């Protein structure tokens, strides 16, 4: 018989497993708007319980990472990198979150990375809302540009839950997308495009899986 203490220690895992089952069953048809709605409904519910929605931004990344994970199906296996970090691997492919990546004399922590044969080939940066507008967008693009300079095969996607399509931040995103074949962005709010399809195209996931793997 499970006692109350044991149930309590499993609450977090039960919650994540329930969300993940939903994502696994529906990831291929979930529109960008659907993912936006899931996150902000959770944010609103959290506010009802504690007065604000602070302190749980990791859920926005969890949703994106697990959709990407399920795109690879049952191929990926968990592989611990350190006590606090793990890869998910299939042959020469590795994906992970907040894995340190060297840039010149420092290390950065991209939100999601994909490696192939030891080379960084894809990055997803995730923003709920760029509160500093164009300045914040420029900072993210500068980071991606530095990663691209050191990793020529890189494809990058800047995923934003919401940003106004009428401001300077959006214009900056459009200019960057027009100028750079390796860079793409997506805004989730009011966007009916399947998110898994956007990830597939922007990061060239078919190429990763179809090309010969070591």
N, C-alpha and C. Protein backbone atom coordinates (compact mmCIF):
# COMPACT_ATOMS: atom_id res chain seq x y z
N UNK A 1 0.85 -1.20 0.00
CA UNK A 1 0.00 0.00 0.00
C UNK A 1 0.88 1.25 0.00
N UNK A 2 0.57 2.20 -0.86
CA UNK A 2 1.37 3.42 -0.97
C UNK A 2 0.90 4.42 0.08
N UNK A 3 1.84 4.91 0.90
CA UNK A 3 1.45 5.89 1.91
C UNK A 3 1.43 7.31 1.33
N UNK A 4 0.91 8.26 2.12
CA UNK A 4 0.75 9.62 1.64
C UNK A 4 2.08 10.26 1.27
N UNK A 5 3.13 9.95 2.01
CA UNK A 5 4.44 10.52 1.73
C UNK A 5 4.96 10.07 0.37
N UNK A 6 4.78 8.78 0.08
CA UNK A 6 5.23 8.26 -1.22
C UNK A 6 4.46 8.90 -2.36
N UNK A 7 3.17 9.09 -2.18
CA UNK A 7 2.36 9.76 -3.20
C UNK A 7 2.86 11.19 -3.42
N UNK A 8 3.16 11.87 -2.33
CA UNK A 8 3.64 13.24 -2.44
C UNK A 8 4.92 13.36 -3.23
N UNK A 9 5.84 12.42 -3.02
CA UNK A 9 7.12 12.50 -3.72
C UNK A 9 6.97 12.22 -5.21
N UNK A 10 5.86 11.64 -5.63
CA UNK A 10 5.65 11.30 -7.03
C UNK A 10 4.79 12.32 -7.76
N UNK A 11 4.30 13.34 -7.07
CA UNK A 11 3.38 14.29 -7.69
C UNK A 11 3.99 14.97 -8.91
N UNK A 12 5.23 15.43 -8.77
CA UNK A 12 5.88 16.12 -9.88
C UNK A 12 6.05 15.21 -11.08
N UNK A 13 6.51 13.97 -10.82
CA UNK A 13 6.70 13.03 -11.92
C UNK A 13 5.37 12.67 -12.59
N UNK A 14 4.34 12.49 -11.78
CA UNK A 14 3.03 12.16 -12.34
C UNK A 14 2.53 13.27 -13.25
N UNK A 15 2.74 14.51 -12.83
CA UNK A 15 2.33 15.66 -13.64
C UNK A 15 3.07 15.68 -14.97
N UNK A 16 4.40 15.54 -14.92
CA UNK A 16 5.19 15.57 -16.15
C UNK A 16 4.86 14.40 -17.06
N UNK A 17 4.63 13.23 -16.48
CA UNK A 17 4.28 12.07 -17.29
C UNK A 17 2.93 12.26 -17.98
N UNK A 18 1.99 12.88 -17.28
CA UNK A 18 0.67 13.12 -17.88
C UNK A 18 0.78 14.09 -19.05
N UNK A 19 1.53 15.16 -18.86
CA UNK A 19 1.74 16.12 -19.96
C UNK A 19 2.46 15.44 -21.11
N UNK A 20 3.47 14.65 -20.79
CA UNK A 20 4.26 14.01 -21.84
C UNK A 20 3.45 12.98 -22.63
N UNK A 21 2.56 12.26 -21.96
CA UNK A 21 1.69 11.33 -22.68
C UNK A 21 0.81 12.07 -23.68
N UNK A 22 0.31 13.22 -23.27
CA UNK A 22 -0.50 14.03 -24.17
C UNK A 22 0.33 14.49 -25.37
N UNK A 23 1.54 14.95 -25.11
CA UNK A 23 2.40 15.40 -26.21
C UNK A 23 2.76 14.26 -27.15
N UNK A 24 3.04 13.10 -26.59
CA UNK A 24 3.38 11.94 -27.42
C UNK A 24 2.22 11.55 -28.33
N UNK A 25 1.02 11.61 -27.81
CA UNK A 25 -0.16 11.21 -28.58
C UNK A 25 -0.56 12.25 -29.62
N UNK A 26 -0.16 13.51 -29.41
CA UNK A 26 -0.70 14.59 -30.25
C UNK A 26 0.35 15.48 -30.89
N UNK A 27 1.63 15.22 -30.67
CA UNK A 27 2.67 16.17 -31.08
C UNK A 27 2.63 16.50 -32.58
N UNK A 28 2.29 15.52 -33.41
CA UNK A 28 2.36 15.74 -34.86
C UNK A 28 1.25 16.66 -35.37
N UNK A 29 0.18 16.82 -34.59
CA UNK A 29 -0.93 17.65 -35.04
C UNK A 29 -1.10 18.92 -34.21
N UNK A 30 -0.36 19.06 -33.13
CA UNK A 30 -0.49 20.26 -32.31
C UNK A 30 0.00 21.48 -33.08
N UNK A 31 -0.88 22.47 -33.24
CA UNK A 31 -0.46 23.71 -33.87
C UNK A 31 0.37 24.55 -32.92
N UNK A 32 1.11 25.48 -33.47
CA UNK A 32 1.88 26.41 -32.62
C UNK A 32 0.94 27.08 -31.63
N UNK A 33 -0.25 27.47 -32.08
CA UNK A 33 -1.24 28.10 -31.21
C UNK A 33 -1.63 27.19 -30.05
N UNK A 34 -1.75 25.89 -30.32
CA UNK A 34 -2.12 24.95 -29.26
C UNK A 34 -1.08 24.92 -28.15
N UNK A 35 0.19 24.92 -28.53
CA UNK A 35 1.26 24.90 -27.54
C UNK A 35 1.27 26.20 -26.75
N UNK A 36 1.06 27.30 -27.44
CA UNK A 36 0.92 28.60 -26.77
C UNK A 36 -0.20 28.54 -25.73
N UNK A 37 -1.35 28.00 -26.13
CA UNK A 37 -2.50 27.93 -25.23
C UNK A 37 -2.22 27.03 -24.03
N UNK A 38 -1.54 25.91 -24.25
CA UNK A 38 -1.20 25.00 -23.15
C UNK A 38 -0.35 25.72 -22.11
N UNK A 39 0.68 26.42 -22.60
CA UNK A 39 1.58 27.10 -21.67
C UNK A 39 0.86 28.20 -20.91
N UNK A 40 0.10 29.03 -21.61
CA UNK A 40 -0.49 30.18 -20.93
C UNK A 40 -1.70 29.79 -20.09
N UNK A 41 -2.36 28.68 -20.40
CA UNK A 41 -3.40 28.18 -19.49
C UNK A 41 -2.76 27.72 -18.19
N UNK A 42 -1.62 27.02 -18.32
CA UNK A 42 -0.89 26.61 -17.12
C UNK A 42 -0.44 27.83 -16.32
N UNK A 43 0.05 28.86 -17.03
CA UNK A 43 0.49 30.08 -16.37
C UNK A 43 -0.66 30.74 -15.61
N UNK A 44 -1.84 30.78 -16.24
CA UNK A 44 -3.01 31.37 -15.57
C UNK A 44 -3.42 30.54 -14.36
N UNK A 45 -3.39 29.21 -14.50
CA UNK A 45 -3.75 28.35 -13.37
C UNK A 45 -2.77 28.53 -12.21
N UNK A 46 -1.49 28.67 -12.55
CA UNK A 46 -0.48 28.87 -11.52
C UNK A 46 -0.73 30.17 -10.76
N UNK A 47 -1.12 31.19 -11.51
CA UNK A 47 -1.42 32.48 -10.88
C UNK A 47 -2.59 32.35 -9.90
N UNK A 48 -3.57 31.52 -10.24
CA UNK A 48 -4.72 31.33 -9.35
C UNK A 48 -4.32 30.68 -8.04
N UNK A 49 -3.25 29.86 -8.06
CA UNK A 49 -2.83 29.16 -6.86
C UNK A 49 -1.90 30.00 -5.99
N UNK A 50 -1.06 30.84 -6.60
CA UNK A 50 -0.07 31.55 -5.79
C UNK A 50 0.04 33.05 -6.06
N UNK A 51 -0.86 33.57 -6.87
CA UNK A 51 -0.90 35.01 -7.06
C UNK A 51 -0.07 35.52 -8.21
N UNK A 52 0.85 34.70 -8.71
CA UNK A 52 1.63 35.07 -9.89
C UNK A 52 2.10 33.79 -10.57
N UNK A 53 2.67 33.93 -11.75
CA UNK A 53 3.13 32.76 -12.50
C UNK A 53 4.65 32.69 -12.57
N UNK A 54 5.34 33.39 -11.68
CA UNK A 54 6.80 33.42 -11.68
C UNK A 54 7.39 32.07 -11.26
N UNK A 55 8.58 31.78 -11.76
CA UNK A 55 9.33 30.64 -11.25
C UNK A 55 9.07 29.33 -11.96
N UNK A 56 8.37 29.35 -13.09
CA UNK A 56 8.11 28.09 -13.78
C UNK A 56 8.32 28.25 -15.28
N UNK A 57 9.29 29.05 -15.68
CA UNK A 57 9.55 29.26 -17.10
C UNK A 57 10.06 27.99 -17.76
N UNK A 58 10.60 27.06 -16.98
CA UNK A 58 11.09 25.81 -17.55
C UNK A 58 10.02 25.01 -18.26
N UNK A 59 8.75 25.23 -17.91
CA UNK A 59 7.66 24.50 -18.56
C UNK A 59 7.57 24.87 -20.04
N UNK A 60 7.86 26.11 -20.38
CA UNK A 60 7.82 26.52 -21.79
C UNK A 60 8.86 25.75 -22.60
N UNK A 61 10.01 25.48 -22.02
CA UNK A 61 11.05 24.71 -22.70
C UNK A 61 10.72 23.22 -22.71
N UNK A 62 10.13 22.75 -21.63
CA UNK A 62 9.74 21.33 -21.55
C UNK A 62 8.82 20.96 -22.71
N UNK A 63 7.82 21.79 -22.98
CA UNK A 63 6.87 21.51 -24.06
C UNK A 63 7.58 21.37 -25.40
N UNK A 64 8.48 22.28 -25.70
CA UNK A 64 9.17 22.27 -26.99
C UNK A 64 10.13 21.08 -27.08
N UNK A 65 10.87 20.84 -26.01
CA UNK A 65 11.84 19.75 -26.03
C UNK A 65 11.16 18.41 -26.22
N UNK A 66 10.05 18.19 -25.53
CA UNK A 66 9.41 16.88 -25.64
C UNK A 66 8.70 16.68 -26.98
N UNK A 67 8.24 17.75 -27.59
CA UNK A 67 7.71 17.62 -28.96
C UNK A 67 8.83 17.22 -29.90
N UNK A 68 9.99 17.86 -29.74
CA UNK A 68 11.15 17.49 -30.56
C UNK A 68 11.57 16.05 -30.27
N UNK A 69 11.59 15.69 -29.01
CA UNK A 69 11.95 14.32 -28.61
C UNK A 69 11.04 13.30 -29.28
N UNK A 70 9.75 13.54 -29.24
CA UNK A 70 8.81 12.56 -29.80
C UNK A 70 8.87 12.53 -31.32
N UNK A 71 9.37 13.58 -31.94
CA UNK A 71 9.57 13.55 -33.39
C UNK A 71 10.55 12.43 -33.77
N UNK A 72 11.51 12.17 -32.89
CA UNK A 72 12.47 11.10 -33.15
C UNK A 72 11.92 9.73 -32.78
N UNK A 73 10.69 9.70 -32.27
CA UNK A 73 10.06 8.43 -31.94
C UNK A 73 10.74 7.75 -30.77
N UNK A 74 10.91 6.44 -30.88
CA UNK A 74 11.50 5.66 -29.79
C UNK A 74 13.00 5.46 -29.96
N UNK A 75 13.61 6.25 -30.85
CA UNK A 75 15.02 6.05 -31.16
C UNK A 75 15.95 6.53 -30.05
N UNK A 76 15.57 7.60 -29.34
CA UNK A 76 16.46 8.25 -28.40
C UNK A 76 16.52 7.52 -27.06
N UNK A 77 17.72 7.44 -26.51
CA UNK A 77 17.92 6.87 -25.19
C UNK A 77 18.64 7.87 -24.31
N UNK A 78 18.21 7.94 -23.04
CA UNK A 78 18.80 8.88 -22.10
C UNK A 78 20.21 8.45 -21.74
N UNK A 79 21.12 9.43 -21.72
CA UNK A 79 22.53 9.18 -21.41
C UNK A 79 23.02 10.32 -20.53
N UNK A 80 23.39 10.01 -19.28
CA UNK A 80 23.81 11.06 -18.36
C UNK A 80 25.15 11.64 -18.77
N UNK A 81 25.18 12.99 -18.79
CA UNK A 81 26.42 13.71 -19.10
C UNK A 81 27.13 14.11 -17.81
N UNK A 82 26.38 14.66 -16.88
CA UNK A 82 26.86 14.96 -15.53
C UNK A 82 25.74 14.56 -14.57
N UNK A 83 25.92 14.85 -13.30
CA UNK A 83 24.89 14.54 -12.30
C UNK A 83 23.59 15.28 -12.61
N UNK A 84 23.72 16.48 -13.23
CA UNK A 84 22.55 17.32 -13.43
C UNK A 84 22.14 17.48 -14.91
N UNK A 85 22.90 16.92 -15.82
CA UNK A 85 22.61 17.07 -17.24
C UNK A 85 22.62 15.72 -17.94
N UNK A 86 21.69 15.55 -18.87
CA UNK A 86 21.63 14.32 -19.65
C UNK A 86 21.45 14.62 -21.12
N UNK A 87 22.03 13.75 -21.94
CA UNK A 87 21.77 13.74 -23.37
C UNK A 87 20.64 12.76 -23.66
N UNK A 88 20.04 12.92 -24.83
CA UNK A 88 19.17 11.88 -25.39
C UNK A 88 19.78 11.53 -26.73
N UNK A 89 20.19 10.28 -26.90
CA UNK A 89 21.06 9.90 -28.01
C UNK A 89 20.50 8.78 -28.87
N UNK A 90 20.87 8.83 -30.14
CA UNK A 90 20.62 7.74 -31.08
C UNK A 90 21.80 7.70 -32.03
N UNK A 91 22.63 6.67 -31.90
CA UNK A 91 23.85 6.55 -32.70
C UNK A 91 24.64 7.87 -32.61
N UNK A 92 24.85 8.56 -33.72
CA UNK A 92 25.68 9.77 -33.68
C UNK A 92 24.88 11.03 -33.37
N UNK A 93 23.56 10.91 -33.16
CA UNK A 93 22.73 12.07 -32.86
C UNK A 93 22.56 12.21 -31.36
N UNK A 94 22.73 13.44 -30.87
CA UNK A 94 22.50 13.74 -29.47
C UNK A 94 21.71 15.04 -29.37
N UNK A 95 20.67 15.04 -28.54
CA UNK A 95 19.94 16.28 -28.28
C UNK A 95 19.94 16.52 -26.78
N UNK A 96 19.93 17.78 -26.40
CA UNK A 96 19.95 18.11 -24.99
C UNK A 96 19.51 19.53 -24.73
N UNK A 97 19.28 19.83 -23.46
CA UNK A 97 18.87 21.15 -23.02
C UNK A 97 19.94 21.76 -22.11
N UNK A 98 20.22 23.03 -22.35
CA UNK A 98 21.17 23.78 -21.51
C UNK A 98 22.51 23.06 -21.39
N UNK A 99 22.94 22.46 -22.49
CA UNK A 99 24.26 21.83 -22.54
C UNK A 99 25.30 22.91 -22.86
N UNK A 100 26.37 23.06 -22.08
CA UNK A 100 27.35 24.11 -22.35
C UNK A 100 28.00 23.96 -23.73
N UNK A 101 28.05 25.08 -24.45
CA UNK A 101 28.66 25.12 -25.77
C UNK A 101 29.74 26.21 -25.75
N UNK A 102 30.99 25.90 -26.14
CA UNK A 102 32.04 26.91 -26.12
C UNK A 102 31.89 27.92 -27.25
N UNK A 103 32.07 29.20 -26.91
CA UNK A 103 32.19 30.27 -27.90
C UNK A 103 33.40 31.09 -27.52
N UNK A 104 34.45 30.95 -28.32
CA UNK A 104 35.71 31.64 -28.05
C UNK A 104 36.18 31.29 -26.63
N UNK A 105 36.24 32.26 -25.73
CA UNK A 105 36.79 31.99 -24.39
C UNK A 105 35.71 31.85 -23.32
N UNK A 106 34.48 31.55 -23.73
CA UNK A 106 33.41 31.39 -22.76
C UNK A 106 32.51 30.24 -23.18
N UNK A 107 31.55 29.91 -22.31
CA UNK A 107 30.57 28.89 -22.64
C UNK A 107 29.17 29.47 -22.51
N UNK A 108 28.30 29.08 -23.43
CA UNK A 108 26.90 29.52 -23.39
C UNK A 108 26.01 28.30 -23.23
N UNK A 109 24.75 28.54 -22.89
CA UNK A 109 23.81 27.44 -22.62
C UNK A 109 22.58 27.60 -23.51
N UNK A 110 22.65 27.21 -24.76
CA UNK A 110 21.46 27.29 -25.62
C UNK A 110 20.33 26.45 -25.05
N UNK A 111 19.11 26.83 -25.36
CA UNK A 111 17.95 26.14 -24.78
C UNK A 111 17.87 24.69 -25.24
N UNK A 112 18.02 24.45 -26.53
CA UNK A 112 18.03 23.09 -27.07
C UNK A 112 19.13 22.98 -28.12
N UNK A 113 19.92 21.92 -28.04
CA UNK A 113 20.97 21.69 -29.03
C UNK A 113 20.82 20.30 -29.63
N UNK A 114 21.23 20.18 -30.88
CA UNK A 114 21.30 18.88 -31.54
C UNK A 114 22.70 18.73 -32.13
N UNK A 115 23.35 17.64 -31.77
CA UNK A 115 24.68 17.33 -32.30
C UNK A 115 24.58 16.12 -33.23
N UNK A 116 25.44 16.09 -34.21
CA UNK A 116 25.56 14.93 -35.08
C UNK A 116 27.04 14.66 -35.28
N UNK A 117 27.46 13.45 -34.95
CA UNK A 117 28.87 13.06 -35.07
C UNK A 117 29.78 14.08 -34.39
N UNK A 118 29.35 14.57 -33.24
CA UNK A 118 30.16 15.50 -32.46
C UNK A 118 30.11 16.94 -32.92
N UNK A 119 29.34 17.24 -33.97
CA UNK A 119 29.23 18.61 -34.48
C UNK A 119 27.87 19.20 -34.13
N UNK A 120 27.88 20.46 -33.70
CA UNK A 120 26.64 21.15 -33.40
C UNK A 120 25.94 21.50 -34.71
N UNK A 121 24.76 20.92 -34.94
CA UNK A 121 24.09 21.11 -36.23
C UNK A 121 22.76 21.85 -36.10
N UNK A 122 22.21 21.98 -34.89
CA UNK A 122 20.93 22.67 -34.74
C UNK A 122 20.79 23.23 -33.33
N UNK A 123 20.18 24.41 -33.27
CA UNK A 123 19.93 25.08 -31.99
C UNK A 123 18.52 25.67 -32.02
N UNK A 124 17.82 25.53 -30.90
CA UNK A 124 16.53 26.21 -30.72
C UNK A 124 16.66 27.13 -29.50
N UNK A 125 16.41 28.41 -29.70
CA UNK A 125 16.33 29.35 -28.60
C UNK A 125 14.87 29.68 -28.37
N UNK A 126 14.44 29.69 -27.09
CA UNK A 126 13.03 29.82 -26.74
C UNK A 126 12.84 31.06 -25.88
N UNK A 127 11.91 31.90 -26.29
CA UNK A 127 11.54 33.09 -25.52
C UNK A 127 10.03 33.08 -25.32
N UNK A 128 9.60 33.34 -24.10
CA UNK A 128 8.16 33.47 -23.87
C UNK A 128 7.69 34.80 -24.47
N UNK A 129 8.39 35.86 -24.09
CA UNK A 129 8.09 37.19 -24.63
C UNK A 129 9.33 38.06 -24.47
N UNK A 130 9.83 38.65 -25.55
CA UNK A 130 11.03 39.50 -25.44
C UNK A 130 10.68 40.85 -24.83
N UNK A 131 10.82 40.94 -23.51
CA UNK A 131 10.39 42.14 -22.79
C UNK A 131 11.16 43.39 -23.20
N UNK A 132 12.38 43.21 -23.70
CA UNK A 132 13.17 44.36 -24.13
C UNK A 132 13.08 44.59 -25.63
N UNK A 133 12.14 43.91 -26.27
CA UNK A 133 11.86 44.16 -27.67
C UNK A 133 13.02 43.87 -28.60
N UNK A 134 13.29 44.81 -29.49
CA UNK A 134 14.31 44.63 -30.52
C UNK A 134 15.69 44.35 -29.92
N UNK A 135 16.00 44.99 -28.79
CA UNK A 135 17.30 44.77 -28.13
C UNK A 135 17.48 43.31 -27.73
N UNK A 136 16.42 42.72 -27.19
CA UNK A 136 16.50 41.33 -26.76
C UNK A 136 16.59 40.37 -27.95
N UNK A 137 15.84 40.69 -29.02
CA UNK A 137 15.91 39.88 -30.23
C UNK A 137 17.32 39.95 -30.82
N UNK A 138 17.90 41.13 -30.84
CA UNK A 138 19.27 41.28 -31.37
C UNK A 138 20.25 40.45 -30.56
N UNK A 139 20.09 40.41 -29.24
CA UNK A 139 20.98 39.63 -28.39
C UNK A 139 20.89 38.14 -28.73
N UNK A 140 19.67 37.66 -28.94
CA UNK A 140 19.50 36.25 -29.29
C UNK A 140 20.12 35.94 -30.66
N UNK A 141 19.90 36.81 -31.61
CA UNK A 141 20.45 36.58 -32.96
C UNK A 141 21.97 36.66 -32.94
N UNK A 142 22.52 37.57 -32.15
CA UNK A 142 23.99 37.66 -32.04
C UNK A 142 24.56 36.36 -31.49
N UNK A 143 23.88 35.77 -30.50
CA UNK A 143 24.32 34.49 -29.95
C UNK A 143 24.31 33.41 -31.04
N UNK A 144 23.23 33.35 -31.79
CA UNK A 144 23.11 32.35 -32.85
C UNK A 144 24.16 32.59 -33.94
N UNK A 145 24.43 33.83 -34.22
CA UNK A 145 25.45 34.16 -35.23
C UNK A 145 26.83 33.67 -34.77
N UNK A 146 27.14 33.85 -33.50
CA UNK A 146 28.43 33.37 -32.97
C UNK A 146 28.51 31.84 -33.05
N UNK A 147 27.40 31.18 -32.74
CA UNK A 147 27.39 29.72 -32.83
C UNK A 147 27.57 29.26 -34.27
N UNK A 148 26.95 29.96 -35.19
CA UNK A 148 27.07 29.62 -36.61
C UNK A 148 28.51 29.81 -37.10
N UNK A 149 29.15 30.86 -36.63
CA UNK A 149 30.54 31.14 -37.04
C UNK A 149 31.46 29.98 -36.70
N UNK A 150 31.21 29.35 -35.56
CA UNK A 150 32.07 28.27 -35.09
C UNK A 150 31.56 26.88 -35.48
N UNK A 151 30.32 26.84 -36.00
CA UNK A 151 29.71 25.56 -36.37
C UNK A 151 29.02 25.74 -37.73
N UNK A 152 29.76 25.60 -38.83
CA UNK A 152 29.26 25.96 -40.16
C UNK A 152 27.99 25.23 -40.59
N UNK A 153 27.74 24.04 -40.06
CA UNK A 153 26.56 23.28 -40.47
C UNK A 153 25.29 23.68 -39.71
N UNK A 154 25.40 24.64 -38.83
CA UNK A 154 24.32 24.95 -37.91
C UNK A 154 23.06 25.47 -38.61
N UNK A 155 21.89 24.96 -38.15
CA UNK A 155 20.59 25.53 -38.45
C UNK A 155 20.00 26.02 -37.13
N UNK A 156 19.41 27.21 -37.14
CA UNK A 156 18.94 27.81 -35.90
C UNK A 156 17.49 28.25 -36.02
N UNK A 157 16.74 28.04 -34.94
CA UNK A 157 15.35 28.46 -34.87
C UNK A 157 15.16 29.26 -33.59
N UNK A 158 14.64 30.47 -33.73
CA UNK A 158 14.28 31.30 -32.58
C UNK A 158 12.76 31.18 -32.40
N UNK A 159 12.35 30.53 -31.33
CA UNK A 159 10.94 30.26 -31.07
C UNK A 159 10.45 31.21 -29.99
N UNK A 160 9.41 31.97 -30.33
CA UNK A 160 8.87 32.98 -29.42
C UNK A 160 7.39 32.71 -29.20
N UNK A 161 7.01 32.60 -27.95
CA UNK A 161 5.60 32.36 -27.67
C UNK A 161 4.74 33.53 -28.13
N UNK A 162 5.20 34.74 -27.86
CA UNK A 162 4.44 35.89 -28.34
C UNK A 162 5.35 37.10 -28.51
N UNK A 163 5.16 37.81 -29.62
CA UNK A 163 5.73 39.13 -29.84
C UNK A 163 4.84 39.84 -30.84
N UNK A 164 4.67 41.13 -30.69
CA UNK A 164 3.82 41.89 -31.60
C UNK A 164 4.40 41.86 -33.01
N UNK A 165 3.53 41.69 -33.99
CA UNK A 165 3.98 41.70 -35.39
C UNK A 165 4.03 43.11 -35.96
N UNK A 166 3.82 44.11 -35.11
CA UNK A 166 3.80 45.50 -35.58
C UNK A 166 5.01 46.31 -35.11
N UNK A 167 5.85 45.71 -34.27
CA UNK A 167 6.94 46.47 -33.69
C UNK A 167 8.28 46.22 -34.37
N UNK A 168 9.32 46.88 -33.85
CA UNK A 168 10.66 46.77 -34.40
C UNK A 168 11.27 45.39 -34.19
N UNK A 169 10.87 44.72 -33.12
CA UNK A 169 11.40 43.37 -32.86
C UNK A 169 11.01 42.42 -33.99
N UNK A 170 9.77 42.48 -34.42
CA UNK A 170 9.30 41.62 -35.51
C UNK A 170 10.00 41.96 -36.82
N UNK A 171 10.19 43.25 -37.08
CA UNK A 171 10.89 43.66 -38.30
C UNK A 171 12.33 43.14 -38.31
N UNK A 172 12.95 43.15 -37.15
CA UNK A 172 14.32 42.61 -37.03
C UNK A 172 14.33 41.13 -37.36
N UNK A 173 13.36 40.39 -36.86
CA UNK A 173 13.26 38.96 -37.16
C UNK A 173 13.08 38.72 -38.65
N UNK A 174 12.23 39.47 -39.28
CA UNK A 174 12.00 39.31 -40.71
C UNK A 174 13.25 39.58 -41.53
N UNK A 175 13.97 40.64 -41.17
CA UNK A 175 15.20 40.97 -41.91
C UNK A 175 16.23 39.85 -41.77
N UNK A 176 16.36 39.32 -40.57
CA UNK A 176 17.34 38.26 -40.36
C UNK A 176 16.97 37.01 -41.15
N UNK A 177 15.70 36.68 -41.18
CA UNK A 177 15.26 35.49 -41.92
C UNK A 177 15.51 35.66 -43.41
N UNK A 178 15.31 36.86 -43.94
CA UNK A 178 15.53 37.12 -45.37
C UNK A 178 17.01 37.03 -45.73
N UNK A 179 17.86 37.42 -44.80
CA UNK A 179 19.30 37.51 -45.08
C UNK A 179 20.05 36.20 -44.84
N UNK A 180 19.48 35.29 -44.05
CA UNK A 180 20.25 34.13 -43.61
C UNK A 180 19.46 32.83 -43.85
N UNK A 181 19.98 31.99 -44.69
CA UNK A 181 19.29 30.74 -45.00
C UNK A 181 19.33 29.76 -43.83
N UNK A 182 20.26 29.94 -42.91
CA UNK A 182 20.41 29.02 -41.78
C UNK A 182 19.54 29.41 -40.59
N UNK A 183 18.91 30.58 -40.65
CA UNK A 183 18.16 31.11 -39.51
C UNK A 183 16.66 31.14 -39.83
N UNK A 184 15.85 30.77 -38.84
CA UNK A 184 14.41 30.87 -38.98
C UNK A 184 13.82 31.26 -37.62
N UNK A 185 12.59 31.74 -37.64
CA UNK A 185 11.90 32.05 -36.39
C UNK A 185 10.45 31.65 -36.51
N UNK A 186 9.80 31.48 -35.36
CA UNK A 186 8.37 31.18 -35.33
C UNK A 186 7.76 31.83 -34.11
N UNK A 187 6.58 32.40 -34.29
CA UNK A 187 5.79 32.98 -33.21
C UNK A 187 4.59 32.07 -33.00
N UNK A 188 4.40 31.59 -31.80
CA UNK A 188 3.38 30.58 -31.55
C UNK A 188 1.96 31.13 -31.51
N UNK A 189 1.78 32.31 -30.95
CA UNK A 189 0.43 32.83 -30.77
C UNK A 189 -0.30 32.99 -32.10
N UNK A 190 -1.53 32.50 -32.16
CA UNK A 190 -2.41 32.64 -33.34
C UNK A 190 -1.82 32.00 -34.60
N UNK A 191 -0.93 31.04 -34.42
CA UNK A 191 -0.27 30.39 -35.55
C UNK A 191 -0.74 28.93 -35.60
N UNK A 192 -1.45 28.57 -36.67
CA UNK A 192 -2.03 27.23 -36.77
C UNK A 192 -1.10 26.20 -37.39
N UNK A 193 0.10 26.61 -37.81
CA UNK A 193 1.04 25.66 -38.39
C UNK A 193 1.42 24.60 -37.34
N UNK A 194 1.42 23.32 -37.71
CA UNK A 194 1.88 22.29 -36.75
C UNK A 194 3.30 22.58 -36.29
N UNK A 195 3.50 22.63 -34.99
CA UNK A 195 4.82 22.98 -34.48
C UNK A 195 5.86 21.94 -34.85
N UNK A 196 5.50 20.66 -34.81
CA UNK A 196 6.45 19.61 -35.18
C UNK A 196 6.92 19.78 -36.62
N UNK A 197 6.03 20.22 -37.49
CA UNK A 197 6.39 20.44 -38.89
C UNK A 197 7.36 21.61 -39.01
N UNK A 198 7.12 22.65 -38.24
CA UNK A 198 8.03 23.80 -38.25
C UNK A 198 9.41 23.41 -37.76
N UNK A 199 9.48 22.64 -36.70
CA UNK A 199 10.77 22.15 -36.21
C UNK A 199 11.46 21.29 -37.27
N UNK A 200 10.68 20.43 -37.88
CA UNK A 200 11.24 19.52 -38.90
C UNK A 200 11.88 20.30 -40.04
N UNK A 201 11.18 21.29 -40.55
CA UNK A 201 11.67 22.05 -41.70
C UNK A 201 12.83 22.98 -41.33
N UNK A 202 12.67 23.71 -40.24
CA UNK A 202 13.67 24.71 -39.88
C UNK A 202 15.00 24.09 -39.48
N UNK A 203 14.94 22.93 -38.81
CA UNK A 203 16.16 22.28 -38.32
C UNK A 203 16.63 21.14 -39.24
N UNK A 204 15.90 20.93 -40.34
CA UNK A 204 16.24 19.88 -41.31
C UNK A 204 16.37 18.52 -40.62
N UNK A 205 15.36 18.18 -39.84
CA UNK A 205 15.40 16.94 -39.07
C UNK A 205 15.38 15.69 -39.95
N UNK A 206 14.72 15.77 -41.09
CA UNK A 206 14.69 14.62 -42.00
C UNK A 206 16.10 14.27 -42.47
N UNK A 207 16.89 15.30 -42.71
CA UNK A 207 18.27 15.07 -43.15
C UNK A 207 19.06 14.37 -42.05
N UNK A 208 18.84 14.80 -40.80
CA UNK A 208 19.56 14.18 -39.69
C UNK A 208 19.27 12.70 -39.58
N UNK A 209 18.01 12.34 -39.81
CA UNK A 209 17.61 10.95 -39.64
C UNK A 209 17.87 10.09 -40.87
N UNK A 210 17.79 10.70 -42.07
CA UNK A 210 17.89 9.91 -43.30
C UNK A 210 19.33 9.73 -43.78
N UNK A 211 20.20 10.70 -43.48
CA UNK A 211 21.59 10.54 -43.90
C UNK A 211 22.21 9.40 -43.11
N UNK A 212 23.23 8.73 -43.68
CA UNK A 212 23.85 7.59 -42.99
C UNK A 212 24.34 7.98 -41.60
N UNK A 213 24.00 7.16 -40.63
CA UNK A 213 24.40 7.41 -39.25
C UNK A 213 25.50 6.45 -38.83
N UNK A 214 26.45 6.95 -38.09
CA UNK A 214 27.56 6.12 -37.62
C UNK A 214 27.18 5.44 -36.32
